[in-house]
Amino acid sequence: MSVPAALAPFLPGGRPAAPPGGRRPRHVHSPRVRRLASDRGVSLDRIAGTGPLGRVTVADVGRAATTAESPSAAVAIESRKLRTSVAEVEVTRLARTTDLLASVVESAVQALRAVSGAATAASRPVLRVHAPDGPHREVVNAHDLSVSGLRRTLDDASAVPAHEGEPSGATLAVHDLRGTGLLFDLPVLAGGELVALSVGDAVDRPAVVALPDGGRGIGMGTFVHLALTVDEHAAGTDAAVLLTQVRQRLEAHDRRAS
């Protein structure tokens, strides 16, 4: 049975018929919805209504306005690909020296320079060091990137203080958790940072060791956990590959330590 067009909107599931141009008749929606859409710059004709008879609701307008107002944020999120990897590294010899943190930083800097784009690799890194028992500091354009040079720079009391929560623009952030009892955390990249690396507290535990006669036995070893977060899109590599290179360099430093 055919239904008069004038009665269709009042039947279940009915809605005002759209004219040939595809636009709904005026005053289909409430004055409040029309006013809100006008204030937020949203076209009601482009919103699929979820209200009775297909009408657009206040919530529909709010969702459409939020989507329309934040395209740049969506693009920024899509342009970053953040990932974190964690590894355990033996540092039995380094733990007896004052070079452990500097060796970690040197390993991260050199690994980053090896995989980054030419512009980043050629520039001096900007480091931000987060210490558990002291002020956060920034090391800008360190000239000596050797372990001894970085140790002197990190120990320099005149290093630029870094204020928590402020964008640092640092290439590399190092979170020093030694002495806190924490094995590792999952570091978050601040504004401008390409890599964030946390160094967990050093712990002693039994481990398999090489014996003088070439055999293997059980001895005590010192270990730290490294957790590395990287913007894989900007760095051009993934977190696992980068952390593997950091771990290998740090293990090499440990074998050379006295």
Protein backbone atom coordinates (compact mmCIF):
# COMPACT_ATOMS: atom_id res chain seq x y z
CA MET A 1 0.00 0.00 0.00
CA SER A 2 1.37 3.38 -0.94
CA VAL A 3 1.70 6.04 1.73
CA PRO A 4 1.21 9.74 1.05
CA ALA A 5 4.53 11.55 1.06
CA ALA A 6 3.27 13.99 3.67
CA LEU A 7 2.77 11.15 6.18
CA ALA A 8 6.07 9.32 5.57
CA PRO A 9 8.09 11.31 8.15
CA PHE A 10 5.69 10.26 10.92
CA LEU A 11 5.94 6.51 10.31
CA PRO A 12 8.55 4.28 12.05
CA GLY A 13 11.89 4.70 10.33
CA GLY A 14 10.54 7.52 8.22
CA ARG A 15 12.38 10.73 7.48
CA PRO A 16 11.69 13.75 5.32
CA ALA A 17 12.13 12.99 1.66
CA ALA A 18 15.11 14.70 0.10
CA PRO A 19 14.48 16.90 -2.93
CA PRO A 20 16.31 16.20 -6.19
CA GLY A 21 19.28 18.30 -5.07
CA GLY A 22 19.88 15.92 -2.16
CA ARG A 23 19.41 18.59 0.55
CA ARG A 24 16.98 18.11 3.41
CA PRO A 25 14.12 20.57 3.92
CA ARG A 26 14.75 23.53 6.18
CA HIS A 27 13.99 23.32 9.90
CA VAL A 28 14.30 19.52 10.03
CA HIS A 29 16.61 19.88 13.04
CA SER A 30 16.03 21.67 16.30
CA PRO A 31 17.02 25.34 16.67
CA ARG A 32 19.66 24.33 19.22
CA VAL A 33 21.32 21.91 16.77
CA ARG A 34 21.23 24.44 13.93
CA ARG A 35 22.74 27.13 16.17
CA LEU A 36 25.49 24.81 17.42
CA ALA A 37 26.34 23.69 13.89
CA SER A 38 26.56 27.32 12.79
CA ASP A 39 28.81 28.22 15.72
CA ARG A 40 31.13 25.25 15.05
CA GLY A 41 31.20 25.74 11.30
CA VAL A 42 29.69 22.33 10.52
CA SER A 43 27.32 21.62 7.62
CA LEU A 44 24.27 19.64 8.75
CA ASP A 45 23.88 18.20 5.26
CA ARG A 46 27.18 16.34 5.70
CA ILE A 47 26.29 14.69 9.02
CA ALA A 48 24.51 11.34 9.30
CA GLY A 49 21.97 11.91 12.04
CA THR A 50 21.46 9.36 14.81
CA GLY A 51 18.35 10.94 16.31
CA PRO A 52 14.65 10.21 15.70
CA LEU A 53 13.67 10.30 12.03
CA GLY A 54 17.36 10.63 11.14
CA ARG A 55 17.71 14.02 12.72
CA VAL A 56 21.15 15.31 13.68
CA THR A 57 21.66 15.58 17.44
CA VAL A 58 23.90 17.82 19.52
CA ALA A 59 26.27 14.86 20.00
CA ASP A 60 26.43 14.33 16.22
CA VAL A 61 27.43 17.96 15.72
CA GLY A 62 30.06 17.70 18.45
CA ARG A 63 31.65 14.63 16.90
CA ALA A 64 31.70 16.17 13.44
CA ALA A 65 33.19 19.42 14.74
CA THR A 66 35.93 17.60 16.66
CA THR A 67 36.93 15.65 13.57
CA ALA A 68 36.94 18.76 11.41
CA GLU A 69 38.94 20.84 13.90
CA SER A 70 41.79 18.36 14.43
CA PRO A 71 43.09 17.20 11.05
CA SER A 72 46.59 18.49 11.79
CA ALA A 73 46.73 16.52 15.04
CA ALA A 74 45.66 13.37 13.22
CA VAL A 75 48.35 13.93 10.59
CA ALA A 76 50.98 14.51 13.29
CA ILE A 77 50.04 11.26 15.05
CA GLU A 78 50.10 9.29 11.80
CA SER A 79 53.52 10.72 10.93
CA ARG A 80 55.07 9.25 14.10
CA LYS A 81 55.60 5.56 14.69
CA LEU A 82 56.71 5.02 18.27
CA ARG A 83 57.94 1.67 19.58
CA THR A 84 59.81 0.47 22.67
CA SER A 85 62.19 -2.48 23.03
CA VAL A 86 63.87 -3.83 26.18
CA ALA A 87 67.16 -5.76 26.53
CA GLU A 88 69.32 -7.10 29.35
CA VAL A 89 73.05 -6.36 29.14
CA GLU A 90 75.90 -7.67 31.26
CA VAL A 91 78.08 -4.84 32.60
CA THR A 92 80.10 -6.73 35.23
CA ARG A 93 83.37 -4.90 34.48
CA LEU A 94 81.85 -1.49 33.68
CA ALA A 95 79.92 -1.52 36.96
CA ARG A 96 83.24 -1.31 38.82
CA THR A 97 84.22 1.87 36.96
CA THR A 98 82.79 5.38 36.58
CA ASP A 99 82.23 4.86 32.86
CA LEU A 100 78.94 2.94 32.86
CA LEU A 101 76.59 5.84 32.08
CA ALA A 102 79.02 7.42 29.63
CA SER A 103 79.42 4.05 27.88
CA VAL A 104 75.64 3.72 27.57
CA VAL A 105 75.36 7.25 26.14
CA GLU A 106 78.26 6.68 23.72
CA SER A 107 76.71 3.41 22.55
CA ALA A 108 73.34 5.08 21.95
CA VAL A 109 74.84 8.09 20.18
CA GLN A 110 76.98 6.01 17.83
CA ALA A 111 74.17 3.55 17.09
CA LEU A 112 71.82 6.44 16.33
CA ARG A 113 74.37 8.17 14.09
CA ALA A 114 74.90 4.92 12.18
CA VAL A 115 71.22 4.43 11.26
CA SER A 116 69.86 7.97 11.06
CA GLY A 117 69.60 10.11 7.94
CA ALA A 118 72.68 11.97 6.74
CA ALA A 119 71.62 15.31 8.25
CA THR A 120 71.10 13.90 11.74
CA ALA A 121 74.21 11.71 11.59
CA ALA A 122 76.40 14.66 10.61
CA SER A 123 75.16 16.94 13.38
CA ARG A 124 76.23 16.92 17.00
CA PRO A 125 73.62 15.29 19.23
CA VAL A 126 71.72 17.18 21.86
CA LEU A 127 71.49 15.00 24.97
CA ARG A 128 69.09 15.27 27.86
CA VAL A 129 70.06 13.32 30.96
CA HIS A 130 67.49 12.53 33.66
CA ALA A 131 69.19 11.64 36.93
CA PRO A 132 67.24 10.20 39.89
CA ASP A 133 69.21 12.05 42.57
CA GLY A 134 70.02 15.33 40.85
CA PRO A 135 68.79 17.97 38.43
CA HIS A 136 67.97 17.07 34.84
CA ARG A 137 70.58 18.47 32.48
CA GLU A 138 71.01 19.10 28.80
CA VAL A 139 74.30 18.50 27.01
CA VAL A 140 74.21 20.60 23.87
CA ASN A 141 76.50 19.76 20.95
CA ALA A 142 79.03 17.70 22.88
CA HIS A 143 82.36 17.99 21.05
CA ASP A 144 84.02 14.84 22.38
CA LEU A 145 81.77 11.82 21.81
CA SER A 146 84.22 9.29 23.24
CA VAL A 147 83.42 7.54 26.52
CA SER A 148 85.97 9.65 28.42
CA GLY A 149 84.77 12.86 26.77
CA LEU A 150 81.14 12.11 27.52
CA ARG A 151 82.02 11.20 31.11
CA ARG A 152 83.66 14.60 31.59
CA THR A 153 80.73 16.36 29.96
CA LEU A 154 78.16 14.49 32.06
CA ASP A 155 80.11 15.28 35.24
CA ASP A 156 80.38 18.96 34.33
CA ALA A 157 78.47 20.94 36.93
CA SER A 158 78.01 23.78 34.45
CA ALA A 159 75.81 21.70 32.13
CA VAL A 160 72.65 23.51 31.13
CA PRO A 161 69.80 22.66 33.55
CA ALA A 162 66.73 21.15 31.91
CA HIS A 163 63.29 21.90 33.30
CA GLU A 164 60.92 18.99 33.63
CA GLY A 165 58.01 19.10 31.19
CA GLU A 166 59.56 21.60 28.78
CA PRO A 167 60.19 20.55 25.18
CA SER A 168 63.93 20.08 24.89
CA GLY A 169 64.44 19.53 21.21
CA ALA A 170 66.97 16.90 22.25
CA THR A 171 67.99 14.20 19.81
CA LEU A 172 68.56 11.68 22.61
CA ALA A 173 67.19 11.52 26.15
CA VAL A 174 68.81 9.20 28.69
CA HIS A 175 66.94 8.28 31.89
CA ASP A 176 69.38 7.10 34.56
CA LEU A 177 67.50 4.82 36.98
CA ARG A 178 70.56 3.50 38.81
CA GLY A 179 70.14 3.61 42.56
CA THR A 180 66.35 3.64 42.40
CA GLY A 181 65.77 -0.12 42.57
CA LEU A 182 63.86 0.03 39.27
CA LEU A 183 64.93 -2.38 36.56
CA PHE A 184 63.55 -0.26 33.72
CA ASP A 185 60.74 2.02 32.67
CA LEU A 186 59.16 2.69 29.28
CA PRO A 187 60.56 6.10 28.33
CA VAL A 188 58.30 8.55 26.51
CA LEU A 189 59.60 10.88 23.80
CA ALA A 190 59.30 14.57 24.63
CA GLY A 191 59.01 17.27 21.98
CA GLY A 192 61.74 16.99 19.36
CA GLU A 193 63.36 13.87 20.83
CA LEU A 194 64.18 11.07 18.42
CA VAL A 195 65.22 8.42 20.94
CA ALA A 196 64.66 7.98 24.68
CA LEU A 197 66.70 5.38 26.55
CA SER A 198 66.37 4.28 30.18
CA VAL A 199 69.22 2.60 32.08
CA GLY A 200 67.90 0.39 34.87
CA ASP A 201 69.44 -0.22 38.26
CA ALA A 202 72.43 -2.58 38.20
CA VAL A 203 71.71 -5.96 39.78
CA ASP A 204 74.02 -8.86 40.68
CA ARG A 205 72.92 -12.43 40.01
CA PRO A 206 74.40 -15.84 39.11
CA ALA A 207 75.32 -16.20 35.46
CA VAL A 208 77.18 -18.54 33.14
CA VAL A 209 80.81 -17.37 32.83
CA ALA A 210 83.83 -18.43 30.78
CA LEU A 211 86.52 -20.23 32.80
CA PRO A 212 90.30 -19.80 32.27
CA ASP A 213 90.56 -23.34 30.88
CA GLY A 214 88.02 -22.55 28.16
CA GLY A 215 85.12 -24.24 29.92
CA ARG A 216 82.00 -22.67 31.35
CA GLY A 217 80.83 -22.37 34.93
CA ILE A 218 78.55 -20.41 37.23
CA GLY A 219 79.71 -17.08 38.57
CA MET A 220 78.29 -13.70 39.63
CA GLY A 221 77.54 -11.07 37.04
CA THR A 222 76.19 -7.53 37.04
CA PHE A 223 73.36 -6.70 34.65
CA VAL A 224 71.30 -3.68 33.61
CA HIS A 225 68.13 -3.45 31.57
CA LEU A 226 67.94 -0.97 28.71
CA ALA A 227 64.55 0.22 27.45
CA LEU A 228 64.63 2.22 24.23
CA THR A 229 61.77 4.17 22.67
CA VAL A 230 62.29 5.48 19.14
CA ASP A 231 60.32 7.42 16.58
CA GLU A 232 60.81 4.80 13.88
CA HIS A 233 59.44 7.05 11.13
CA ALA A 234 61.94 9.83 11.82
CA ALA A 235 64.91 7.58 12.67
CA GLY A 236 64.49 5.31 9.68
CA THR A 237 64.91 2.15 11.76
CA ASP A 238 62.95 0.12 14.27
CA ALA A 239 63.48 -0.03 18.01
CA ALA A 240 64.72 -3.63 18.06
CA VAL A 241 67.45 -2.99 15.48
CA LEU A 242 68.63 0.18 17.21
CA LEU A 243 68.63 -1.38 20.68
CA THR A 244 70.55 -4.41 19.37
CA GLN A 245 73.29 -2.08 18.16
CA VAL A 246 73.34 -0.24 21.51
CA ARG A 247 73.58 -3.55 23.40
CA GLN A 248 76.40 -4.84 21.20
CA ARG A 249 78.44 -1.66 21.62
CA LEU A 250 77.89 -1.65 25.38
CA GLU A 251 78.96 -5.30 25.66
CA ALA A 252 82.11 -4.44 23.71
CA HIS A 253 82.83 -1.60 26.16
CA ASP A 254 82.36 -4.05 29.04
CA ARG A 255 84.83 -6.55 27.58
CA ARG A 256 87.46 -3.79 27.26
CA ALA A 257 86.88 -2.39 30.76
CA SER A 258 89.47 -3.26 33.41
